[in-house]
């Protein structure tokens, strides 16, 4: 037939009428299928030969064709002798089928991704069709078909099914579309949260004969919403339980959130707060501020510098004082607004001012007390000195002079305390070197005794310092009286250092040293007994190193 050739854009008789020529022009992917179908018909397995395949056009493009064939002549033994048939161009239909299949696959993928299944209900026949995704949502086997609407009672929680029936009835009778949140029951009993939508489709006469719709699985979204509600509840509870007033605004100054404490602190009525407009809120509080221009300048600056944080104080006309904190609000690394936090520190500031006043008063009292004590000590020292100068007995004069020197060491301590910033503690470095020089200076020696002093900056309490002063007074006095009788280059060494919680004090001179029998515990001398007693009072220990000279080592623990 000439049309056979022209269908594929060939000239009539352009290629021989042979089977192999036909096979050359069949698509390689379709050839085996076509020949197998032909063999089935030739062998009598099928009555007719009907195939659809791609046939190559002269241009090289592929043409979809449908072939029909039948054996029309056999020999006496039934062997086929003649096979005739037709070939029809079905390219456009095939394209439409492919397009439909692609659209169907795309729809199925979309439904799967969105977890949305579609359905259709033939009302007259109570016949329901489901998409593959709807079967997956309910975990039902598609081979069993979709259940009729009458069987839907098993698919939903009872109270939800009642709502669905009511909505379907309205849709069926009045054409009202519906959208419901339902709890679907899977075959294994698992509950899934779903959104069900449906609408009516009337026939040509306007009678509603079919409903169509969809069912979307929103379980994961529902769980996420639950967690979000829990987080928001916790956040709101935190905001409302804090003692601070909190205001959150977006980048445009619109109030996004605030707690009740903020409204109470700023005395803002709900009618103003409900506007959630930053300018309206600021206008309301303007008349309350002592320096509104400073307040607004800070607000404008922070709005112009979204990344900046701030902390300052706000003073009100009625005497209230707020601490104001502000920092940017960020979401996924992007600044989306600003958080303002206000804390009423009025009572705290009043308490601080009261404490400062009391401390200043206490400081004045302590200064006066130290001054009076120092004056009284000077009187005592002067009396002892006068009494010593009036007594001829050398032993009595010595005792009174030593007592006067001990008093002077305490006078020096009180003088240092009086001049220091704190009245109960003082640096050993400010006290001990001056004490050593003062005591050494009381003795007239020629040449003068040299002192080597190495004292670290160690802060001690007044009681400990007082004991140390008397101890060193005894040591220096003893050295000045006895150690340098036979030497012209007397030297006294004093050091103080701290390691951890242990303060180590050393005193040494270059005199002949103490006898080997010298011992604080066994000594009957007043000076050594006094030193030993004072060391114990300050929780320390003392030892003597005897290497041809006098060296005392005192360790005070727990400082």
Protein backbone atom coordinates (compact mmCIF):
# COMPACT_ATOMS: atom_id res chain seq x y z
CA UNK A 1 0.00 0.00 0.00
CA UNK A 2 1.57 3.38 -0.97
CA UNK A 3 0.29 4.87 2.29
CA UNK A 4 2.50 2.44 4.21
CA UNK A 5 5.54 4.16 2.71
CA UNK A 6 4.22 7.71 2.86
CA UNK A 7 3.30 7.32 6.57
CA UNK A 8 7.02 7.13 7.31
CA UNK A 9 7.95 9.75 4.68
CA UNK A 10 9.41 7.18 2.26
CA UNK A 11 8.88 7.05 -1.50
CA UNK A 12 6.71 4.19 -2.69
CA UNK A 13 8.79 1.01 -3.01
CA UNK A 14 11.82 2.84 -1.64
CA UNK A 15 12.86 -0.29 0.26
CA UNK A 16 12.24 -3.95 -0.71
CA UNK A 17 9.21 -5.84 0.51
CA UNK A 18 11.18 -8.10 2.84
CA UNK A 19 10.92 -8.94 6.52
CA UNK A 20 14.48 -7.93 7.30
CA UNK A 21 13.82 -4.46 5.80
CA UNK A 22 10.87 -4.09 8.12
CA UNK A 23 12.98 -5.20 11.11
CA UNK A 24 15.66 -2.62 10.30
CA UNK A 25 13.13 0.15 10.78
CA UNK A 26 11.65 -1.06 14.10
CA UNK A 27 13.13 0.58 17.23
CA UNK A 28 15.78 -1.73 18.74
CA UNK A 29 14.04 -1.60 22.13
CA UNK A 30 10.74 -2.73 20.55
CA UNK A 31 11.96 -5.31 18.02
CA UNK A 32 12.10 -8.34 20.31
CA UNK A 33 8.61 -7.62 21.63
CA UNK A 34 7.17 -7.23 18.10
CA UNK A 35 8.73 -10.48 16.84
CA UNK A 36 7.62 -12.46 19.89
CA UNK A 37 4.04 -11.32 19.42
CA UNK A 38 4.25 -12.31 15.74
CA UNK A 39 5.55 -15.79 16.71
CA UNK A 40 2.69 -16.23 19.16
CA UNK A 41 0.16 -15.55 16.42
CA UNK A 42 1.94 -17.72 13.85
CA UNK A 43 2.07 -20.61 16.34
CA UNK A 44 -1.62 -20.23 17.16
CA UNK A 45 -1.19 -18.96 20.74
CA UNK A 46 -3.12 -15.74 20.00
CA UNK A 47 -5.84 -15.11 17.45
CA UNK A 48 -4.60 -11.75 16.26
CA UNK A 49 -1.34 -9.89 16.08
CA UNK A 50 -1.77 -6.44 17.73
CA UNK A 51 1.30 -4.45 18.76
CA UNK A 52 2.34 -0.84 19.35
CA UNK A 53 5.92 0.09 18.56
CA UNK A 54 8.24 2.77 17.20
CA UNK A 55 8.96 2.80 13.46
CA UNK A 56 11.83 4.81 12.02
CA UNK A 57 10.95 7.51 9.51
CA UNK A 58 13.17 8.37 6.60
CA UNK A 59 14.39 11.47 8.48
CA UNK A 60 15.54 9.28 11.35
CA UNK A 61 12.76 10.40 13.70
CA UNK A 62 10.57 7.79 15.37
CA UNK A 63 6.94 7.25 14.58
CA UNK A 64 4.61 5.47 17.01
CA UNK A 65 2.45 2.97 15.10
CA UNK A 66 -0.12 0.32 15.92
CA UNK A 67 0.15 -2.87 13.91
CA UNK A 68 -2.72 -5.32 13.32
CA UNK A 69 -2.16 -8.66 11.54
CA UNK A 70 -3.78 -12.03 10.90
CA UNK A 71 -2.95 -15.27 9.02
CA UNK A 72 -5.20 -15.54 6.02
CA UNK A 73 -3.83 -18.70 4.36
CA UNK A 74 -2.35 -22.01 5.59
CA UNK A 75 -1.39 -25.22 3.75
CA UNK A 76 -2.97 -28.62 4.21
CA UNK A 77 -0.85 -29.19 7.32
CA UNK A 78 -1.86 -25.86 8.89
CA UNK A 79 1.44 -24.17 8.25
CA UNK A 80 0.92 -20.38 7.76
CA UNK A 81 1.43 -19.29 4.17
CA UNK A 82 0.13 -15.71 4.07
CA UNK A 83 0.07 -13.00 6.79
CA UNK A 84 -1.60 -9.64 6.13
CA UNK A 85 -2.11 -6.59 8.30
CA UNK A 86 -2.27 -2.83 8.75
CA UNK A 87 -0.09 -0.18 10.38
CA UNK A 88 -1.63 3.03 11.82
CA UNK A 89 0.09 6.22 13.00
CA UNK A 90 -0.69 6.65 16.74
CA UNK A 91 2.05 9.16 17.54
CA UNK A 92 -0.25 11.89 18.86
CA UNK A 93 -2.22 9.47 21.00
CA UNK A 94 0.99 8.00 22.35
CA UNK A 95 2.33 11.45 23.20
CA UNK A 96 -0.89 12.16 25.05
CA UNK A 97 -0.60 8.86 26.92
CA UNK A 98 3.01 9.56 27.84
CA UNK A 99 2.11 13.07 28.96
CA UNK A 100 -0.76 11.69 31.02
CA UNK A 101 1.49 9.09 32.58
CA UNK A 102 4.13 11.70 33.37
CA UNK A 103 1.51 13.95 34.91
CA UNK A 104 0.15 11.04 36.92
CA UNK A 105 3.63 10.15 38.17
CA UNK A 106 4.34 13.79 38.98
CA UNK A 107 1.06 14.04 40.88
CA UNK A 108 1.87 10.83 42.77
CA UNK A 109 5.32 12.18 43.70
CA UNK A 110 3.81 15.49 44.77
CA UNK A 111 1.23 13.72 46.90
CA UNK A 112 3.95 11.60 48.46
CA UNK A 113 6.17 14.59 49.23
CA UNK A 114 3.28 16.66 50.62
CA UNK A 115 1.69 13.62 52.28
CA UNK A 116 -1.59 14.45 50.59
CA UNK A 117 -3.82 11.71 49.26
CA UNK A 118 -6.77 12.38 46.91
CA UNK A 119 -10.13 10.63 46.69
CA UNK A 120 -13.33 10.54 44.71
CA UNK A 121 -16.75 9.28 45.82
CA UNK A 122 -19.42 8.18 43.34
CA UNK A 123 -22.47 8.89 45.51
CA UNK A 124 -25.02 6.94 43.46
CA UNK A 125 -23.00 3.72 43.51
CA UNK A 126 -21.16 4.37 46.82
CA UNK A 127 -17.93 3.67 45.00
CA UNK A 128 -14.76 5.32 46.30
CA UNK A 129 -11.42 5.79 44.57
CA UNK A 130 -8.18 6.51 46.42
CA UNK A 131 -4.80 7.66 45.21
CA UNK A 132 -1.74 5.62 46.16
CA UNK A 133 -0.77 8.15 48.82
CA UNK A 134 -4.12 7.79 50.56
CA UNK A 135 -3.55 4.04 50.81
CA UNK A 136 -0.12 4.77 52.30
CA UNK A 137 -1.51 7.20 54.87
CA UNK A 138 -3.92 4.56 56.15
CA UNK A 139 -1.39 1.75 55.58
CA UNK A 140 -3.89 -0.23 53.56
CA UNK A 141 -3.14 -2.53 50.62
CA UNK A 142 -4.25 -0.96 47.31
CA UNK A 143 -5.08 -4.45 46.04
CA UNK A 144 -8.01 -4.51 48.44
CA UNK A 145 -9.48 -1.38 46.90
CA UNK A 146 -10.75 1.72 48.65
CA UNK A 147 -13.46 1.21 51.29
CA UNK A 148 -16.89 2.64 50.56
CA UNK A 149 -18.04 5.68 52.52
CA UNK A 150 -20.28 3.41 54.56
CA UNK A 151 -17.13 1.64 55.78
CA UNK A 152 -15.33 4.83 56.82
CA UNK A 153 -16.36 4.45 60.48
CA UNK A 154 -13.26 2.29 61.01
CA UNK A 155 -10.95 4.94 59.56
CA UNK A 156 -11.48 7.76 62.07
CA UNK A 157 -11.92 8.35 65.79
CA UNK A 158 -15.65 8.18 66.55
CA UNK A 159 -16.20 11.84 67.46
CA UNK A 160 -14.20 12.95 64.41
CA UNK A 161 -16.20 10.60 62.17
CA UNK A 162 -19.40 12.19 63.43
CA UNK A 163 -18.12 15.63 62.39
CA UNK A 164 -17.03 14.26 59.02
CA UNK A 165 -20.47 12.72 58.34
CA UNK A 166 -22.15 16.02 59.14
CA UNK A 167 -19.79 17.95 56.84
CA UNK A 168 -20.22 15.39 54.02
CA UNK A 169 -23.99 15.60 54.37
CA UNK A 170 -23.93 19.39 54.00
CA UNK A 171 -21.57 19.10 51.05
CA UNK A 172 -23.76 16.46 49.42
CA UNK A 173 -27.09 18.27 49.92
CA UNK A 174 -26.08 21.93 49.76
CA UNK A 175 -22.75 21.85 47.92
CA UNK A 176 -20.89 23.38 50.91
CA UNK A 177 -17.18 22.55 50.78
CA UNK A 178 -15.52 21.54 54.04
CA UNK A 179 -12.15 21.43 55.73
CA UNK A 180 -11.74 19.45 58.96
CA UNK A 181 -8.90 18.33 61.21
CA UNK A 182 -9.44 14.63 61.89
CA UNK A 183 -7.70 11.80 63.71
CA UNK A 184 -7.23 8.94 61.28
CA UNK A 185 -6.73 5.36 62.47
CA UNK A 186 -4.21 3.20 60.64
CA UNK A 187 -4.57 -0.55 60.32
CA UNK A 188 -2.04 -1.02 63.18
CA UNK A 189 -4.04 1.31 65.44
CA UNK A 190 -1.69 4.29 65.16
CA UNK A 191 -3.43 7.66 65.25
CA UNK A 192 -2.44 10.18 62.57
CA UNK A 193 -3.58 13.81 62.52
CA UNK A 194 -4.96 14.81 59.12
CA UNK A 195 -6.64 17.69 57.30
CA UNK A 196 -9.64 16.47 55.25
CA UNK A 197 -11.01 18.65 52.45
CA UNK A 198 -13.96 17.97 50.19
CA UNK A 199 -16.17 19.63 47.60
CA UNK A 200 -19.15 18.67 45.46
CA UNK A 201 -19.23 18.09 41.68
CA UNK A 202 -22.65 18.45 40.04
CA UNK A 203 -23.65 16.76 36.78
CA UNK A 204 -24.90 18.57 33.68
CA UNK A 205 -28.32 18.98 35.34
CA UNK A 206 -26.85 20.49 38.50
CA UNK A 207 -27.44 17.41 40.63
CA UNK A 208 -24.56 16.58 42.99
CA UNK A 209 -23.52 13.10 42.07
CA UNK A 210 -19.88 13.05 43.15
CA UNK A 211 -17.62 14.39 45.91
CA UNK A 212 -13.89 14.84 45.48
CA UNK A 213 -11.28 15.86 47.96
CA UNK A 214 -8.00 15.23 49.71
CA UNK A 215 -6.55 14.07 53.01
CA UNK A 216 -3.24 15.51 54.24
CA UNK A 217 -1.18 13.85 56.97
CA UNK A 218 -0.10 16.66 59.36
CA UNK A 219 1.07 14.49 62.26
CA UNK A 220 4.67 15.74 62.21
CA UNK A 221 3.48 19.33 61.89
CA UNK A 222 1.05 18.77 64.75
CA UNK A 223 3.82 17.39 66.96
CA UNK A 224 6.06 20.33 66.03
CA UNK A 225 3.22 22.74 66.85
CA UNK A 226 2.80 21.02 70.22
CA UNK A 227 6.48 21.42 71.01
CA UNK A 228 6.31 25.04 69.84
CA UNK A 229 3.29 25.71 72.08
CA UNK A 230 5.15 24.15 74.99
CA UNK A 231 8.20 26.33 74.30
CA UNK A 232 6.03 29.43 73.99
CA UNK A 233 4.23 28.54 77.21
CA UNK A 234 7.58 28.15 78.99
CA UNK A 235 8.81 31.42 77.48
CA UNK A 236 5.64 33.29 78.51
CA UNK A 237 5.83 31.81 82.01
CA UNK A 238 9.47 32.90 82.24
CA UNK A 239 8.66 36.40 81.01
CA UNK A 240 5.79 36.78 83.46
CA UNK A 241 7.72 35.38 86.42
CA UNK A 242 10.76 37.62 86.01
CA UNK A 243 11.10 40.73 88.16
CA UNK A 244 12.09 42.76 85.09
CA UNK A 245 9.85 44.52 82.63
CA UNK A 246 10.44 43.11 79.13
CA UNK A 247 9.61 44.75 75.79
CA UNK A 248 10.41 43.20 72.40
CA UNK A 249 10.12 45.25 69.20
CA UNK A 250 10.76 44.44 65.55
CA UNK A 251 13.08 46.35 63.23
CA UNK A 252 10.31 48.88 62.53
CA UNK A 253 9.77 49.66 66.20
CA UNK A 254 6.52 47.73 66.40
CA UNK A 255 6.01 46.09 69.80
CA UNK A 256 6.05 42.32 69.29
CA UNK A 257 5.78 41.18 72.89
CA UNK A 258 5.84 42.47 76.45
CA UNK A 259 5.07 41.14 79.91
CA UNK A 260 2.64 42.50 82.53
CA UNK A 261 5.55 43.69 84.65
CA UNK A 262 6.57 46.08 81.86
CA UNK A 263 3.07 47.63 81.77
CA UNK A 264 2.96 47.92 85.55
CA UNK A 265 6.42 49.48 85.84
CA UNK A 266 5.72 52.05 83.14
CA UNK A 267 2.08 52.56 84.22
CA UNK A 268 0.85 51.89 80.70
CA UNK A 269 -2.90 51.20 80.27
CA UNK A 270 -3.91 48.20 78.15
CA UNK A 271 -5.57 50.48 75.60
CA UNK A 272 -2.15 51.96 74.82
CA UNK A 273 -0.35 48.63 75.03
CA UNK A 274 -2.77 46.98 72.59
CA UNK A 275 -1.68 49.37 69.82
CA UNK A 276 1.75 47.69 70.01
CA UNK A 277 3.21 50.80 68.44
CA UNK A 278 6.59 51.81 69.81
CA UNK A 279 6.00 55.52 69.15
CA UNK A 280 2.68 55.46 71.00
CA UNK A 281 4.30 53.71 73.95
CA UNK A 282 7.21 56.18 74.02
CA UNK A 283 4.86 59.14 73.83
CA UNK A 284 2.95 57.82 76.85
CA UNK A 285 6.04 57.52 79.05
CA UNK A 286 7.67 60.79 77.97
CA UNK A 287 6.11 62.91 80.72
CA UNK A 288 7.29 60.48 83.41
CA UNK A 289 11.00 60.97 82.69
CA UNK A 290 13.34 63.45 84.29
CA UNK A 291 15.44 63.73 81.10
CA UNK A 292 13.26 62.52 78.20
CA UNK A 293 15.62 63.92 75.54
CA UNK A 294 18.48 61.70 76.83
CA UNK A 295 16.14 58.71 76.88
CA UNK A 296 14.97 59.23 73.29
CA UNK A 297 18.47 59.95 71.99
CA UNK A 298 19.59 56.54 73.29
CA UNK A 299 16.57 54.85 71.65
CA UNK A 300 17.26 56.52 68.29
CA UNK A 301 20.95 55.63 68.43
CA UNK A 302 20.26 51.98 69.12
CA UNK A 303 17.68 51.79 66.34
CA UNK A 304 20.28 53.21 63.96
CA UNK A 305 22.86 50.68 65.21
CA UNK A 306 20.96 47.36 65.24
CA UNK A 307 23.99 45.32 66.39
CA UNK A 308 24.71 47.49 69.45
CA UNK A 309 23.93 46.59 73.06
CA UNK A 310 23.38 49.07 75.86
CA UNK A 311 23.08 49.43 79.63
CA UNK A 312 22.20 52.64 81.45
CA UNK A 313 19.96 54.16 84.13
CA UNK A 314 16.68 56.03 83.75
CA UNK A 315 15.55 58.54 86.38
CA UNK A 316 11.87 59.43 86.78
CA UNK A 317 10.37 62.68 88.01
CA UNK A 318 8.85 60.88 90.99
CA UNK A 319 12.28 59.59 92.10
CA UNK A 320 12.11 56.10 90.67
CA UNK A 321 15.26 54.69 89.04
CA UNK A 322 15.27 51.96 86.37
CA UNK A 323 18.23 50.06 84.99
CA UNK A 324 17.74 49.72 81.23
CA UNK A 325 19.31 46.91 79.22
CA UNK A 326 18.99 46.53 75.46
CA UNK A 327 20.37 44.05 72.99
CA UNK A 328 19.49 42.89 69.46
CA UNK A 329 17.17 39.95 68.93
CA UNK A 330 18.56 37.42 66.45
CA UNK A 331 16.94 34.62 64.50
CA UNK A 332 19.15 32.22 62.52
CA UNK A 333 22.00 34.70 62.76
CA UNK A 334 19.92 37.61 61.45
CA UNK A 335 18.87 40.60 63.56
CA UNK A 336 15.06 40.74 63.58
CA UNK A 337 14.39 43.16 66.41
CA UNK A 338 15.45 44.46 69.80
CA UNK A 339 14.83 43.39 73.40
CA UNK A 340 14.47 46.00 76.12
CA UNK A 341 14.72 44.99 79.78
CA UNK A 342 13.88 47.33 82.66
CA UNK A 343 14.64 46.70 86.33
CA UNK A 344 13.38 48.91 89.16
CA UNK A 345 16.44 49.61 91.34
CA UNK A 346 14.93 52.47 93.32
CA UNK A 347 14.98 50.68 96.68
CA UNK A 348 18.38 49.17 95.93
CA UNK A 349 19.84 52.59 95.24
CA UNK A 350 18.28 54.00 98.42
CA UNK A 351 19.74 51.12 100.41
CA UNK A 352 23.14 51.65 98.78
CA UNK A 353 23.05 55.36 99.59
CA UNK A 354 22.10 54.55 103.18
CA UNK A 355 24.93 52.03 103.44
CA UNK A 356 27.40 54.55 102.02
CA UNK A 357 26.23 57.15 104.54
CA UNK A 358 26.58 54.67 107.40
CA UNK A 359 30.03 53.67 106.21
CA UNK A 360 31.11 57.29 106.01
CA UNK A 361 29.78 57.84 109.52
CA UNK A 362 31.55 54.69 110.73
CA UNK A 363 34.74 55.83 109.03
CA UNK A 364 34.55 59.16 110.81
CA UNK A 365 33.93 57.45 114.15
CA UNK A 366 36.83 55.04 113.61
CA UNK A 367 39.14 57.87 112.65
CA UNK A 368 38.22 59.72 115.76
CA UNK A 369 38.61 56.58 117.90
CA UNK A 370 42.05 55.82 116.46
CA UNK A 371 43.07 59.42 116.95
CA UNK A 372 41.98 59.38 120.58
CA UNK A 373 43.66 56.01 121.24
CA UNK A 374 46.87 57.25 119.65
CA UNK A 375 46.78 60.41 121.76
CA UNK A 376 46.19 58.42 124.94
CA UNK A 377 49.09 56.11 124.04
CA UNK A 378 51.36 59.08 123.54
CA UNK A 379 50.34 60.30 126.97
CA UNK A 380 51.14 56.89 128.44
CA UNK A 381 54.50 56.78 126.62
CA UNK A 382 55.34 60.29 127.78
CA UNK A 383 54.48 59.42 131.35
CA UNK A 384 56.63 56.28 131.21
CA UNK A 385 59.52 58.25 129.71
CA UNK A 386 59.24 61.00 132.35
CA UNK A 387 59.04 58.44 135.10
CA UNK A 388 62.10 56.61 133.74
CA UNK A 389 64.14 59.82 133.62
CA UNK A 390 63.18 60.60 137.22
CA UNK A 391 64.29 57.24 138.64
CA UNK A 392 67.88 56.64 139.56
CA UNK A 393 67.61 52.85 139.81
CA UNK A 394 69.01 51.60 136.46
CA UNK A 395 66.87 48.43 136.40
CA UNK A 396 63.68 50.35 137.05
CA UNK A 397 64.66 52.96 134.45
CA UNK A 398 65.32 50.14 131.90
CA UNK A 399 61.95 48.51 132.56
CA UNK A 400 60.07 51.78 132.15
CA UNK A 401 62.00 52.64 128.98
CA UNK A 402 61.21 49.24 127.45
CA UNK A 403 57.55 49.68 128.33
CA UNK A 404 57.59 53.11 126.69
CA UNK A 405 59.12 51.61 123.56
CA UNK A 406 56.42 48.93 123.42
CA UNK A 407 53.74 51.60 123.65
CA UNK A 408 55.45 53.56 120.88
CA UNK A 409 55.28 50.56 118.56
CA UNK A 410 51.52 50.43 119.11
CA UNK A 411 51.29 54.19 118.61
CA UNK A 412 53.00 53.79 115.27
CA UNK A 413 50.51 51.07 114.28
CA UNK A 414 47.50 53.20 115.16
CA UNK A 415 49.00 56.13 113.28
CA UNK A 416 49.39 53.98 110.16
CA UNK A 417 45.85 52.63 110.54
CA UNK A 418 44.52 56.14 111.01
CA UNK A 419 46.14 57.26 107.74
CA UNK A 420 45.07 54.21 105.72
CA UNK A 421 41.82 53.83 103.74
CA UNK A 422 40.73 50.85 105.83
CA UNK A 423 40.88 50.97 109.60
CA UNK A 424 40.91 47.27 110.37
CA UNK A 425 43.56 46.04 107.93
CA UNK A 426 46.91 47.41 106.83
CA UNK A 427 49.78 46.38 104.58
CA UNK A 428 52.76 45.01 106.47
CA UNK A 429 54.97 46.88 104.00
CA UNK A 430 53.58 50.21 105.20
CA UNK A 431 53.94 49.34 108.89
CA UNK A 432 56.97 47.16 109.59
CA UNK A 433 59.83 49.13 107.87
CA UNK A 434 58.76 52.34 109.61
CA UNK A 435 58.51 50.53 112.95
CA UNK A 436 62.03 49.06 112.57
CA UNK A 437 63.56 52.43 111.72
CA UNK A 438 61.73 54.12 114.60
CA UNK A 439 62.87 51.61 117.22
CA UNK A 440 66.46 51.54 115.96
CA UNK A 441 66.46 55.33 116.04
CA UNK A 442 65.68 55.33 119.75
CA UNK A 443 69.18 54.02 120.46
CA UNK A 444 72.22 56.26 120.17
CA UNK A 445 74.89 54.12 118.49
CA UNK A 446 78.08 55.16 116.80
CA UNK A 447 78.31 54.19 114.06
CA UNK A 448 74.55 53.72 113.46
CA UNK A 449 73.22 50.16 113.14
CA UNK A 450 72.41 49.31 109.53
CA UNK A 451 69.04 47.78 108.65
CA UNK A 452 68.21 45.56 105.69
CA UNK A 453 64.45 45.31 105.20
CA UNK A 454 62.66 43.21 102.58
CA UNK A 455 58.92 43.16 103.20
CA UNK A 456 56.26 42.12 100.67
CA UNK A 457 52.91 43.89 100.35
CA UNK A 458 50.95 41.62 102.71
CA UNK A 459 47.68 42.93 104.17
CA UNK A 460 46.97 41.80 107.76
CA UNK A 461 44.38 42.69 110.38
CA UNK A 462 45.12 45.22 113.12
CA UNK A 463 45.27 42.62 115.89
CA UNK A 464 47.93 40.59 114.08
CA UNK A 465 49.90 43.70 113.21
CA UNK A 466 49.81 44.86 116.83
CA UNK A 467 51.30 41.56 118.00
CA UNK A 468 53.94 41.65 115.25
CA UNK A 469 54.87 45.21 116.26
CA UNK A 470 55.46 44.23 119.87
CA UNK A 471 57.39 41.09 118.81
CA UNK A 472 59.75 43.08 116.61
CA UNK A 473 60.08 45.75 119.27
CA UNK A 474 61.34 43.09 121.69
CA UNK A 475 63.73 41.61 119.11
CA UNK A 476 65.19 44.97 118.03
CA UNK A 477 65.48 46.25 121.60
CA UNK A 478 67.28 43.07 122.64
CA UNK A 479 69.69 43.34 119.67
CA UNK A 480 70.40 47.04 120.30
CA UNK A 481 71.13 46.37 123.97
CA UNK A 482 73.20 43.20 123.74
CA UNK A 483 74.18 42.18 120.17
CA UNK A 484 76.46 45.03 119.09
CA UNK A 485 78.64 45.68 122.17
CA UNK A 486 81.74 44.27 120.55
CA UNK A 487 81.18 45.26 116.92
CA UNK A 488 81.38 48.51 114.99
CA UNK A 489 79.19 47.45 112.02
CA UNK A 490 75.96 46.21 113.56
CA UNK A 491 73.31 45.01 111.11
CA UNK A 492 69.68 44.01 111.52
CA UNK A 493 67.80 42.08 108.84
CA UNK A 494 63.99 41.95 108.59
CA UNK A 495 61.95 40.16 105.92
CA UNK A 496 58.35 39.17 105.34
CA UNK A 497 56.93 36.99 102.57
CA UNK A 498 53.80 35.00 101.81
CA UNK A 499 53.36 31.59 100.16
CA UNK A 500 49.81 30.35 99.86
CA UNK A 501 48.17 31.06 103.23
CA UNK A 502 51.43 31.11 105.23
CA UNK A 503 53.15 34.40 106.11
CA UNK A 504 56.83 33.99 107.07
CA UNK A 505 58.61 36.68 109.11
CA UNK A 506 62.35 36.60 109.83
CA UNK A 507 64.48 38.69 112.15
CA UNK A 508 68.29 38.41 112.33
CA UNK A 509 71.29 40.38 113.54
CA UNK A 510 75.03 39.87 113.17
CA UNK A 511 75.69 39.73 116.90
CA UNK A 512 77.33 36.79 118.72
CA UNK A 513 74.03 34.91 118.82
CA UNK A 514 72.05 33.27 121.59
CA UNK A 515 73.48 30.49 123.75
CA UNK A 516 72.67 26.93 122.68
CA UNK A 517 70.41 26.54 125.72
CA UNK A 518 68.11 29.39 124.63
CA UNK A 519 64.52 28.15 124.23
CA UNK A 520 61.24 30.08 124.18
CA UNK A 521 59.33 27.47 126.18
CA UNK A 522 61.96 27.16 128.91
CA UNK A 523 63.10 30.78 129.06
CA UNK A 524 62.44 32.74 132.28
CA UNK A 525 63.10 36.12 130.65
CA UNK A 526 60.09 38.41 130.21
CA UNK A 527 61.00 39.34 126.63
CA UNK A 528 61.14 35.80 125.30
CA UNK A 529 58.00 34.81 127.23
CA UNK A 530 56.20 37.81 125.74
CA UNK A 531 57.32 36.95 122.17
CA UNK A 532 56.25 33.31 122.59
CA UNK A 533 52.85 34.33 123.99
CA UNK A 534 52.16 36.84 121.20
CA UNK A 535 53.13 34.34 118.46
CA UNK A 536 50.64 31.86 119.93
CA UNK A 537 47.92 34.54 120.06
CA UNK A 538 48.12 35.11 116.31
CA UNK A 539 48.11 31.36 115.57
CA UNK A 540 51.77 31.19 114.58
CA UNK A 541 54.88 29.27 115.48
CA UNK A 542 58.43 30.45 116.07
CA UNK A 543 61.82 28.82 115.94
CA UNK A 544 65.41 29.95 116.45
CA UNK A 545 68.24 29.19 114.05
CA UNK A 546 71.59 29.11 115.87
CA UNK A 547 74.45 29.41 113.42
CA UNK A 548 76.67 31.87 115.30
CA UNK A 549 74.12 34.66 115.08
CA UNK A 550 70.54 35.33 116.19
CA UNK A 551 67.76 34.50 113.71
CA UNK A 552 64.08 34.17 114.53
CA UNK A 553 61.65 32.64 112.03
CA UNK A 554 57.94 33.17 112.63
CA UNK A 555 55.26 31.45 110.51
CA UNK A 556 51.67 32.67 110.69
CA UNK A 557 49.24 30.20 109.16
CA UNK A 558 45.82 30.93 107.66
CA UNK A 559 46.32 34.53 106.57
